[in-house]
Amino acid sequence: MTTAHQQHTGHDHTHGPDCGHMAVQHGDHVDYAHDGHLHREHEGHYDECERSGHTECGDHPHQHGPDCGHDSVQHGDHVDYLHDGHRHAAHDGHYDEH
């Protein structure tokens, strides 16, 4: 899975299992939702983790939105909703896994 390498500068917080931010498995790494961004550790710093590819989520009867109860994070030009260890983004009448 290819991820854009855009370093998140000025990041003095260390993410980990007990840091208080939601962790989401994303391919071969873990993203942390923090300050409206998705961060991943990379060689001693944190990168912004951007979308790569189009993978449609299977059966997804839940409708995400501002009042759905799931954490949301701005992700480029759209909003991801974090739930069940996944990031979902609305796309053409279905949800994509991010």
PDB file of N, CA and C in Angstrom:
ATOM      1  N   MET A   1       0.840  -1.169   0.000  1.00  0.00           N
ATOM      2  CA  MET A   1       0.000   0.000   0.000  1.00  0.00           C
ATOM      3  C   MET A   1       0.886   1.233   0.000  1.00  0.00           C
ATOM      4  N   THR A   2       0.685   2.128  -0.925  1.00  0.00           N
ATOM      5  CA  THR A   2       1.506   3.317  -1.029  1.00  0.00           C
ATOM      6  C   THR A   2       0.893   4.438  -0.212  1.00  0.00           C
ATOM      7  N   THR A   3       1.726   5.130   0.519  1.00  0.00           N
ATOM      8  CA  THR A   3       1.272   6.234   1.336  1.00  0.00           C
ATOM      9  C   THR A   3       2.106   7.453   1.004  1.00  0.00           C
ATOM     10  N   ALA A   4       1.464   8.584   0.791  1.00  0.00           N
ATOM     11  CA  ALA A   4       2.185   9.817   0.526  1.00  0.00           C
ATOM     12  C   ALA A   4       3.072  10.134   1.723  1.00  0.00           C
ATOM     13  N   HIS A   5       4.262  10.644   1.450  1.00  0.00           N
ATOM     14  CA  HIS A   5       5.191  10.977   2.515  1.00  0.00           C
ATOM     15  C   HIS A   5       5.145  12.475   2.751  1.00  0.00           C
ATOM     16  N   GLN A   6       4.206  12.895   3.565  1.00  0.00           N
ATOM     17  CA  GLN A   6       4.057  14.297   3.926  1.00  0.00           C
ATOM     18  C   GLN A   6       4.271  14.393   5.426  1.00  0.00           C
ATOM     19  N   GLN A   7       5.437  14.859   5.832  1.00  0.00           N
ATOM     20  CA  GLN A   7       5.785  14.893   7.248  1.00  0.00           C
ATOM     21  C   GLN A   7       4.908  15.875   7.999  1.00  0.00           C
ATOM     22  N   HIS A   8       4.442  15.452   9.171  1.00  0.00           N
ATOM     23  CA  HIS A   8       3.673  16.309  10.064  1.00  0.00           C
ATOM     24  C   HIS A   8       4.672  16.977  11.002  1.00  0.00           C
ATOM     25  N   THR A   9       4.930  18.247  10.795  1.00  0.00           N
ATOM     26  CA  THR A   9       5.938  18.957  11.577  1.00  0.00           C
ATOM     27  C   THR A   9       5.355  19.476  12.887  1.00  0.00           C
ATOM     28  N   GLY A  10       6.236  19.747  13.842  1.00  0.00           N
ATOM     29  CA  GLY A  10       5.810  20.292  15.129  1.00  0.00           C
ATOM     30  C   GLY A  10       5.001  19.312  15.945  1.00  0.00           C
ATOM     31  N   HIS A  11       5.290  18.045  15.820  1.00  0.00           N
ATOM     32  CA  HIS A  11       4.522  17.008  16.509  1.00  0.00           C
ATOM     33  C   HIS A  11       5.331  16.521  17.709  1.00  0.00           C
ATOM     34  N   ASP A  12       5.012  17.040  18.900  1.00  0.00           N
ATOM     35  CA  ASP A  12       5.786  16.687  20.096  1.00  0.00           C
ATOM     36  C   ASP A  12       5.150  15.568  20.911  1.00  0.00           C
ATOM     37  N   HIS A  13       4.047  15.023  20.457  1.00  0.00           N
ATOM     38  CA  HIS A  13       3.342  13.941  21.144  1.00  0.00           C
ATOM     39  C   HIS A  13       3.806  12.595  20.583  1.00  0.00           C
ATOM     40  N   THR A  14       4.013  11.621  21.448  1.00  0.00           N
ATOM     41  CA  THR A  14       4.378  10.283  21.006  1.00  0.00           C
ATOM     42  C   THR A  14       3.138   9.390  21.052  1.00  0.00           C
ATOM     43  N   HIS A  15       2.757   8.852  19.906  1.00  0.00           N
ATOM     44  CA  HIS A  15       1.596   7.979  19.830  1.00  0.00           C
ATOM     45  C   HIS A  15       1.971   6.561  20.247  1.00  0.00           C
ATOM     46  N   GLY A  16       1.000   5.866  20.795  1.00  0.00           N
ATOM     47  CA  GLY A  16       1.180   4.488  21.204  1.00  0.00           C
ATOM     48  C   GLY A  16      -0.106   3.954  21.788  1.00  0.00           C
ATOM     49  N   PRO A  17      -0.116   2.712  22.246  1.00  0.00           N
ATOM     50  CA  PRO A  17      -1.348   2.071  22.728  1.00  0.00           C
ATOM     51  C   PRO A  17      -2.066   2.822  23.850  1.00  0.00           C
ATOM     52  N   ASP A  18      -1.350   3.605  24.652  1.00  0.00           N
ATOM     53  CA  ASP A  18      -1.964   4.295  25.782  1.00  0.00           C
ATOM     54  C   ASP A  18      -1.929   5.812  25.646  1.00  0.00           C
ATOM     55  N   CYS A  19      -1.804   6.337  24.420  1.00  0.00           N
ATOM     56  CA  CYS A  19      -1.661   7.785  24.239  1.00  0.00           C
ATOM     57  C   CYS A  19      -2.983   8.536  24.305  1.00  0.00           C
ATOM     58  N   GLY A  20      -4.106   7.822  24.225  1.00  0.00           N
ATOM     59  CA  GLY A  20      -5.403   8.485  24.310  1.00  0.00           C
ATOM     60  C   GLY A  20      -6.022   8.817  22.965  1.00  0.00           C
ATOM     61  N   HIS A  21      -5.326   8.563  21.868  1.00  0.00           N
ATOM     62  CA  HIS A  21      -5.885   8.806  20.543  1.00  0.00           C
ATOM     63  C   HIS A  21      -6.315   7.487  19.913  1.00  0.00           C
ATOM     64  N   MET A  22      -7.367   7.545  19.107  1.00  0.00           N
ATOM     65  CA  MET A  22      -7.872   6.345  18.468  1.00  0.00           C
ATOM     66  C   MET A  22      -6.836   5.795  17.497  1.00  0.00           C
ATOM     67  N   ALA A  23      -6.553   4.511  17.632  1.00  0.00           N
ATOM     68  CA  ALA A  23      -5.634   3.819  16.732  1.00  0.00           C
ATOM     69  C   ALA A  23      -6.449   3.021  15.726  1.00  0.00           C
ATOM     70  N   VAL A  24      -6.041   3.081  14.456  1.00  0.00           N
ATOM     71  CA  VAL A  24      -6.742   2.378  13.396  1.00  0.00           C
ATOM     72  C   VAL A  24      -5.711   1.648  12.548  1.00  0.00           C
ATOM     73  N   GLN A  25      -5.860   0.330  12.412  1.00  0.00           N
ATOM     74  CA  GLN A  25      -4.963  -0.433  11.554  1.00  0.00           C
ATOM     75  C   GLN A  25      -5.162   0.017  10.121  1.00  0.00           C
ATOM     76  N   HIS A  26      -4.078   0.281   9.424  1.00  0.00           N
ATOM     77  CA  HIS A  26      -4.146   0.757   8.038  1.00  0.00           C
ATOM     78  C   HIS A  26      -3.084   0.027   7.233  1.00  0.00           C
ATOM     79  N   GLY A  27      -3.460  -1.108   6.676  1.00  0.00           N
ATOM     80  CA  GLY A  27      -2.502  -1.913   5.920  1.00  0.00           C
ATOM     81  C   GLY A  27      -1.409  -2.433   6.828  1.00  0.00           C
ATOM     82  N   ASP A  28      -0.178  -2.027   6.568  1.00  0.00           N
ATOM     83  CA  ASP A  28       0.968  -2.534   7.319  1.00  0.00           C
ATOM     84  C   ASP A  28       1.386  -1.635   8.479  1.00  0.00           C
ATOM     85  N   HIS A  29       0.565  -0.649   8.833  1.00  0.00           N
ATOM     86  CA  HIS A  29       0.915   0.265   9.920  1.00  0.00           C
ATOM     87  C   HIS A  29      -0.351   0.681  10.671  1.00  0.00           C
ATOM     88  N   VAL A  30      -0.161   1.450  11.743  1.00  0.00           N
ATOM     89  CA  VAL A  30      -1.269   1.956  12.544  1.00  0.00           C
ATOM     90  C   VAL A  30      -1.326   3.470  12.390  1.00  0.00           C
ATOM     91  N   ASP A  31      -2.512   3.998  12.119  1.00  0.00           N
ATOM     92  CA  ASP A  31      -2.738   5.439  12.100  1.00  0.00           C
ATOM     93  C   ASP A  31      -3.309   5.853  13.449  1.00  0.00           C
ATOM     94  N   TYR A  32      -3.005   7.086  13.852  1.00  0.00           N
ATOM     95  CA  TYR A  32      -3.591   7.663  15.063  1.00  0.00           C
ATOM     96  C   TYR A  32      -4.350   8.919  14.672  1.00  0.00           C
ATOM     97  N   ALA A  33      -5.607   9.007  15.092  1.00  0.00           N
ATOM     98  CA  ALA A  33      -6.422  10.188  14.838  1.00  0.00           C
ATOM     99  C   ALA A  33      -6.082  11.227  15.896  1.00  0.00           C
ATOM    100  N   HIS A  34      -5.590  12.381  15.440  1.00  0.00           N
ATOM    101  CA  HIS A  34      -5.078  13.390  16.359  1.00  0.00           C
ATOM    102  C   HIS A  34      -5.206  14.765  15.717  1.00  0.00           C
ATOM    103  N   ASP A  35      -5.878  15.680  16.393  1.00  0.00           N
ATOM    104  CA  ASP A  35      -6.027  17.061  15.919  1.00  0.00           C
ATOM    105  C   ASP A  35      -6.601  17.142  14.509  1.00  0.00           C
ATOM    106  N   GLY A  36      -7.549  16.286  14.177  1.00  0.00           N
ATOM    107  CA  GLY A  36      -8.183  16.319  12.871  1.00  0.00           C
ATOM    108  C   GLY A  36      -7.353  15.739  11.752  1.00  0.00           C
ATOM    109  N   HIS A  37      -6.292  15.008  12.098  1.00  0.00           N
ATOM    110  CA  HIS A  37      -5.425  14.390  11.103  1.00  0.00           C
ATOM    111  C   HIS A  37      -5.220  12.928  11.439  1.00  0.00           C
ATOM    112  N   LEU A  38      -4.740  12.183  10.476  1.00  0.00           N
ATOM    113  CA  LEU A  38      -4.353  10.802  10.693  1.00  0.00           C
ATOM    114  C   LEU A  38      -2.843  10.725  10.568  1.00  0.00           C
ATOM    115  N   HIS A  39      -2.183  10.320  11.646  1.00  0.00           N
ATOM    116  CA  HIS A  39      -0.725  10.284  11.699  1.00  0.00           C
ATOM    117  C   HIS A  39      -0.225   8.861  11.760  1.00  0.00           C
ATOM    118  N   ARG A  40       0.947   8.635  11.179  1.00  0.00           N
ATOM    119  CA  ARG A  40       1.638   7.358  11.298  1.00  0.00           C
ATOM    120  C   ARG A  40       3.088   7.636  11.604  1.00  0.00           C
ATOM    121  N   GLU A  41       3.677   6.794  12.452  1.00  0.00           N
ATOM    122  CA  GLU A  41       5.092   6.925  12.785  1.00  0.00           C
ATOM    123  C   GLU A  41       5.919   6.469  11.587  1.00  0.00           C
ATOM    124  N   HIS A  42       6.989   7.217  11.294  1.00  0.00           N
ATOM    125  CA  HIS A  42       7.844   6.876  10.164  1.00  0.00           C
ATOM    126  C   HIS A  42       9.255   7.399  10.413  1.00  0.00           C
ATOM    127  N   GLU A  43      10.181   6.496  10.670  1.00  0.00           N
ATOM    128  CA  GLU A  43      11.596   6.817  10.828  1.00  0.00           C
ATOM    129  C   GLU A  43      11.860   7.975  11.793  1.00  0.00           C
ATOM    130  N   GLY A  44      11.223   7.920  12.953  1.00  0.00           N
ATOM    131  CA  GLY A  44      11.486   8.901  14.002  1.00  0.00           C
ATOM    132  C   GLY A  44      10.660  10.172  13.930  1.00  0.00           C
ATOM    133  N   HIS A  45       9.734  10.273  12.987  1.00  0.00           N
ATOM    134  CA  HIS A  45       8.826  11.411  12.912  1.00  0.00           C
ATOM    135  C   HIS A  45       7.441  10.879  12.530  1.00  0.00           C
ATOM    136  N   TYR A  46       6.475  11.774  12.432  1.00  0.00           N
ATOM    137  CA  TYR A  46       5.125  11.372  12.045  1.00  0.00           C
ATOM    138  C   TYR A  46       4.789  11.946  10.684  1.00  0.00           C
ATOM    139  N   ASP A  47       4.128  11.128   9.865  1.00  0.00           N
ATOM    140  CA  ASP A  47       3.646  11.549   8.557  1.00  0.00           C
ATOM    141  C   ASP A  47       2.137  11.660   8.590  1.00  0.00           C
ATOM    142  N   GLU A  48       1.612  12.553   7.754  1.00  0.00           N
ATOM    143  CA  GLU A  48       0.181  12.570   7.488  1.00  0.00           C
ATOM    144  C   GLU A  48      -0.089  11.323   6.657  1.00  0.00           C
ATOM    145  N   CYS A  49      -1.132  10.597   6.987  1.00  0.00           N
ATOM    146  CA  CYS A  49      -1.430   9.375   6.250  1.00  0.00           C
ATOM    147  C   CYS A  49      -2.572   9.657   5.293  1.00  0.00           C
ATOM    148  N   GLU A  50      -2.279   9.609   4.021  1.00  0.00           N
ATOM    149  CA  GLU A  50      -3.264   9.925   2.991  1.00  0.00           C
ATOM    150  C   GLU A  50      -3.826   8.663   2.360  1.00  0.00           C
ATOM    151  N   ARG A  51      -4.960   8.802   1.755  1.00  0.00           N
ATOM    152  CA  ARG A  51      -5.673   7.708   1.103  1.00  0.00           C
ATOM    153  C   ARG A  51      -4.845   7.117  -0.033  1.00  0.00           C
ATOM    154  N   SER A  52      -4.945   5.817  -0.156  1.00  0.00           N
ATOM    155  CA  SER A  52      -4.300   5.153  -1.293  1.00  0.00           C
ATOM    156  C   SER A  52      -5.218   4.058  -1.810  1.00  0.00           C
ATOM    157  N   GLY A  53      -5.684   4.196  -3.011  1.00  0.00           N
ATOM    158  CA  GLY A  53      -6.502   3.170  -3.621  1.00  0.00           C
ATOM    159  C   GLY A  53      -7.972   3.267  -3.284  1.00  0.00           C
ATOM    160  N   HIS A  54      -8.739   2.383  -3.888  1.00  0.00           N
ATOM    161  CA  HIS A  54     -10.187   2.354  -3.723  1.00  0.00           C
ATOM    162  C   HIS A  54     -10.583   0.926  -3.358  1.00  0.00           C
ATOM    163  N   THR A  55     -10.915   0.716  -2.086  1.00  0.00           N
ATOM    164  CA  THR A  55     -11.363  -0.591  -1.622  1.00  0.00           C
ATOM    165  C   THR A  55     -12.740  -0.428  -1.009  1.00  0.00           C
ATOM    166  N   GLU A  56     -13.735  -0.947  -1.674  1.00  0.00           N
ATOM    167  CA  GLU A  56     -15.101  -0.805  -1.195  1.00  0.00           C
ATOM    168  C   GLU A  56     -15.324  -1.658   0.045  1.00  0.00           C
ATOM    169  N   CYS A  57     -15.971  -1.058   1.051  1.00  0.00           N
ATOM    170  CA  CYS A  57     -16.362  -1.769   2.263  1.00  0.00           C
ATOM    171  C   CYS A  57     -17.523  -2.678   1.901  1.00  0.00           C
ATOM    172  N   GLY A  58     -17.531  -3.885   2.413  1.00  0.00           N
ATOM    173  CA  GLY A  58     -18.626  -4.822   2.151  1.00  0.00           C
ATOM    174  C   GLY A  58     -19.931  -4.307   2.726  1.00  0.00           C
ATOM    175  N   ASP A  59     -20.786  -5.185   3.155  1.00  0.00           N
ATOM    176  CA  ASP A  59     -22.082  -4.833   3.723  1.00  0.00           C
ATOM    177  C   ASP A  59     -21.917  -3.799   4.838  1.00  0.00           C
ATOM    178  N   HIS A  60     -22.477  -2.630   4.632  1.00  0.00           N
ATOM    179  CA  HIS A  60     -22.347  -1.539   5.600  1.00  0.00           C
ATOM    180  C   HIS A  60     -23.693  -0.835   5.749  1.00  0.00           C
ATOM    181  N   PRO A  61     -24.571  -1.368   6.608  1.00  0.00           N
ATOM    182  CA  PRO A  61     -25.917  -0.810   6.721  1.00  0.00           C
ATOM    183  C   PRO A  61     -25.990   0.522   7.470  1.00  0.00           C
ATOM    184  N   HIS A  62     -24.947   0.881   8.192  1.00  0.00           N
ATOM    185  CA  HIS A  62     -24.942   2.104   8.995  1.00  0.00           C
ATOM    186  C   HIS A  62     -24.674   3.327   8.123  1.00  0.00           C
ATOM    187  N   GLN A  63     -25.408   4.405   8.330  1.00  0.00           N
ATOM    188  CA  GLN A  63     -25.201   5.658   7.602  1.00  0.00           C
ATOM    189  C   GLN A  63     -24.375   6.595   8.468  1.00  0.00           C
ATOM    190  N   HIS A  64     -23.173   6.959   8.019  1.00  0.00           N
ATOM    191  CA  HIS A  64     -22.326   7.881   8.773  1.00  0.00           C
ATOM    192  C   HIS A  64     -22.758   9.321   8.535  1.00  0.00           C
ATOM    193  N   GLY A  65     -22.527  10.146   9.528  1.00  0.00           N
ATOM    194  CA  GLY A  65     -22.834  11.572   9.442  1.00  0.00           C
ATOM    195  C   GLY A  65     -22.458  12.255  10.732  1.00  0.00           C
ATOM    196  N   PRO A  66     -22.678  13.558  10.823  1.00  0.00           N
ATOM    197  CA  PRO A  66     -22.248  14.336  11.995  1.00  0.00           C
ATOM    198  C   PRO A  66     -22.771  13.825  13.339  1.00  0.00           C
ATOM    199  N   ASP A  67     -23.928  13.173  13.348  1.00  0.00           N
ATOM    200  CA  ASP A  67     -24.526  12.722  14.599  1.00  0.00           C
ATOM    201  C   ASP A  67     -24.593  11.199  14.713  1.00  0.00           C
ATOM    202  N   CYS A  68     -23.732  10.472  13.981  1.00  0.00           N
ATOM    203  CA  CYS A  68     -23.830   9.009  13.970  1.00  0.00           C
ATOM    204  C   CYS A  68     -23.167   8.359  15.187  1.00  0.00           C
ATOM    205  N   GLY A  69     -22.387   9.129  15.955  1.00  0.00           N
ATOM    206  CA  GLY A  69     -21.746   8.579  17.144  1.00  0.00           C
ATOM    207  C   GLY A  69     -20.337   8.071  16.927  1.00  0.00           C
ATOM    208  N   HIS A  70     -19.837   8.113  15.700  1.00  0.00           N
ATOM    209  CA  HIS A  70     -18.463   7.687  15.431  1.00  0.00           C
ATOM    210  C   HIS A  70     -17.554   8.902  15.291  1.00  0.00           C
ATOM    211  N   ASP A  71     -16.312   8.745  15.711  1.00  0.00           N
ATOM    212  CA  ASP A  71     -15.345   9.824  15.554  1.00  0.00           C
ATOM    213  C   ASP A  71     -15.132  10.073  14.071  1.00  0.00           C
ATOM    214  N   SER A  72     -14.970  11.340  13.715  1.00  0.00           N
ATOM    215  CA  SER A  72     -14.705  11.696  12.329  1.00  0.00           C
ATOM    216  C   SER A  72     -13.404  12.473  12.263  1.00  0.00           C
ATOM    217  N   VAL A  73     -12.762  12.411  11.121  1.00  0.00           N
ATOM    218  CA  VAL A  73     -11.522  13.147  10.918  1.00  0.00           C
ATOM    219  C   VAL A  73     -11.472  13.617   9.472  1.00  0.00           C
ATOM    220  N   GLN A  74     -11.136  14.887   9.279  1.00  0.00           N
ATOM    221  CA  GLN A  74     -10.969  15.406   7.923  1.00  0.00           C
ATOM    222  C   GLN A  74      -9.796  14.687   7.281  1.00  0.00           C
ATOM    223  N   HIS A  75      -9.973  14.206   6.073  1.00  0.00           N
ATOM    224  CA  HIS A  75      -8.936  13.431   5.391  1.00  0.00           C
ATOM    225  C   HIS A  75      -8.872  13.925   3.951  1.00  0.00           C
ATOM    226  N   GLY A  76      -8.021  14.903   3.711  1.00  0.00           N
ATOM    227  CA  GLY A  76      -7.947  15.501   2.388  1.00  0.00           C
ATOM    228  C   GLY A  76      -9.231  16.225   2.062  1.00  0.00           C
ATOM    229  N   ASP A  77      -9.908  15.827   0.971  1.00  0.00           N
ATOM    230  CA  ASP A  77     -11.119  16.520   0.522  1.00  0.00           C
ATOM    231  C   ASP A  77     -12.410  15.879   1.027  1.00  0.00           C
ATOM    232  N   HIS A  78     -12.313  14.973   2.008  1.00  0.00           N
ATOM    233  CA  HIS A  78     -13.500  14.282   2.515  1.00  0.00           C
ATOM    234  C   HIS A  78     -13.325  13.997   4.007  1.00  0.00           C
ATOM    235  N   VAL A  79     -14.349  13.412   4.602  1.00  0.00           N
ATOM    236  CA  VAL A  79     -14.325  13.043   6.023  1.00  0.00           C
ATOM    237  C   VAL A  79     -14.316  11.529   6.138  1.00  0.00           C
ATOM    238  N   ASP A  80     -13.404  11.006   6.959  1.00  0.00           N
ATOM    239  CA  ASP A  80     -13.413   9.586   7.301  1.00  0.00           C
ATOM    240  C   ASP A  80     -14.137   9.427   8.624  1.00  0.00           C
ATOM    241  N   TYR A  81     -14.859   8.324   8.769  1.00  0.00           N
ATOM    242  CA  TYR A  81     -15.501   7.974  10.026  1.00  0.00           C
ATOM    243  C   TYR A  81     -14.793   6.746  10.568  1.00  0.00           C
ATOM    244  N   LEU A  82     -14.420   6.809  11.838  1.00  0.00           N
ATOM    245  CA  LEU A  82     -13.635   5.764  12.465  1.00  0.00           C
ATOM    246  C   LEU A  82     -14.548   4.873  13.283  1.00  0.00           C
ATOM    247  N   HIS A  83     -14.592   3.594  12.910  1.00  0.00           N
ATOM    248  CA  HIS A  83     -15.366   2.653  13.720  1.00  0.00           C
ATOM    249  C   HIS A  83     -14.963   1.227  13.405  1.00  0.00           C
ATOM    250  N   ASP A  84     -15.093   0.395  14.418  1.00  0.00           N
ATOM    251  CA  ASP A  84     -14.769  -1.024  14.319  1.00  0.00           C
ATOM    252  C   ASP A  84     -13.355  -1.264  13.781  1.00  0.00           C
ATOM    253  N   GLY A  85     -12.421  -0.370  14.138  1.00  0.00           N
ATOM    254  CA  GLY A  85     -11.038  -0.516  13.714  1.00  0.00           C
ATOM    255  C   GLY A  85     -10.784  -0.168  12.262  1.00  0.00           C
ATOM    256  N   HIS A  86     -11.736   0.528  11.626  1.00  0.00           N
ATOM    257  CA  HIS A  86     -11.593   0.899  10.226  1.00  0.00           C
ATOM    258  C   HIS A  86     -11.871   2.382  10.046  1.00  0.00           C
ATOM    259  N   ARG A  87     -11.431   2.888   8.911  1.00  0.00           N
ATOM    260  CA  ARG A  87     -11.789   4.244   8.491  1.00  0.00           C
ATOM    261  C   ARG A  87     -12.673   4.103   7.270  1.00  0.00           C
ATOM    262  N   HIS A  88     -13.849   4.705   7.323  1.00  0.00           N
ATOM    263  CA  HIS A  88     -14.789   4.638   6.216  1.00  0.00           C
ATOM    264  C   HIS A  88     -15.006   6.026   5.638  1.00  0.00           C
ATOM    265  N   ALA A  89     -15.099   6.088   4.319  1.00  0.00           N
ATOM    266  CA  ALA A  89     -15.393   7.338   3.619  1.00  0.00           C
ATOM    267  C   ALA A  89     -16.494   7.082   2.603  1.00  0.00           C
ATOM    268  N   ALA A  90     -17.489   7.964   2.567  1.00  0.00           N
ATOM    269  CA  ALA A  90     -18.576   7.828   1.617  1.00  0.00           C
ATOM    270  C   ALA A  90     -18.040   8.015   0.200  1.00  0.00           C
ATOM    271  N   HIS A  91     -18.536   7.147  -0.727  1.00  0.00           N
ATOM    272  CA  HIS A  91     -18.090   7.239  -2.114  1.00  0.00           C
ATOM    273  C   HIS A  91     -19.145   6.619  -3.035  1.00  0.00           C
ATOM    274  N   ASP A  92     -19.797   7.429  -3.846  1.00  0.00           N
ATOM    275  CA  ASP A  92     -20.747   6.944  -4.858  1.00  0.00           C
ATOM    276  C   ASP A  92     -21.757   5.934  -4.323  1.00  0.00           C
ATOM    277  N   GLY A  93     -22.383   6.233  -3.195  1.00  0.00           N
ATOM    278  CA  GLY A  93     -23.450   5.399  -2.658  1.00  0.00           C
ATOM    279  C   GLY A  93     -22.985   4.205  -1.826  1.00  0.00           C
ATOM    280  N   HIS A  94     -21.685   4.118  -1.550  1.00  0.00           N
ATOM    281  CA  HIS A  94     -21.163   3.068  -0.684  1.00  0.00           C
ATOM    282  C   HIS A  94     -20.044   3.676   0.169  1.00  0.00           C
ATOM    283  N   TYR A  95     -19.419   2.869   1.010  1.00  0.00           N
ATOM    284  CA  TYR A  95     -18.296   3.332   1.815  1.00  0.00           C
ATOM    285  C   TYR A  95     -17.028   2.622   1.366  1.00  0.00           C
ATOM    286  N   ASP A  96     -15.946   3.366   1.331  1.00  0.00           N
ATOM    287  CA  ASP A  96     -14.634   2.807   1.048  1.00  0.00           C
ATOM    288  C   ASP A  96     -13.875   2.611   2.325  1.00  0.00           C
ATOM    289  N   GLU A  97     -13.046   1.573   2.371  1.00  0.00           N
ATOM    290  CA  GLU A  97     -12.094   1.368   3.451  1.00  0.00           C
ATOM    291  C   GLU A  97     -10.898   2.250   3.155  1.00  0.00           C
ATOM    292  N   HIS A  98     -10.421   2.916   4.174  1.00  0.00           N
ATOM    293  CA  HIS A  98      -9.216   3.751   4.011  1.00  0.00           C
ATOM    294  C   HIS A  98      -8.134   3.227   4.909  1.00  0.00           C
TER     295      HIS A  98
END
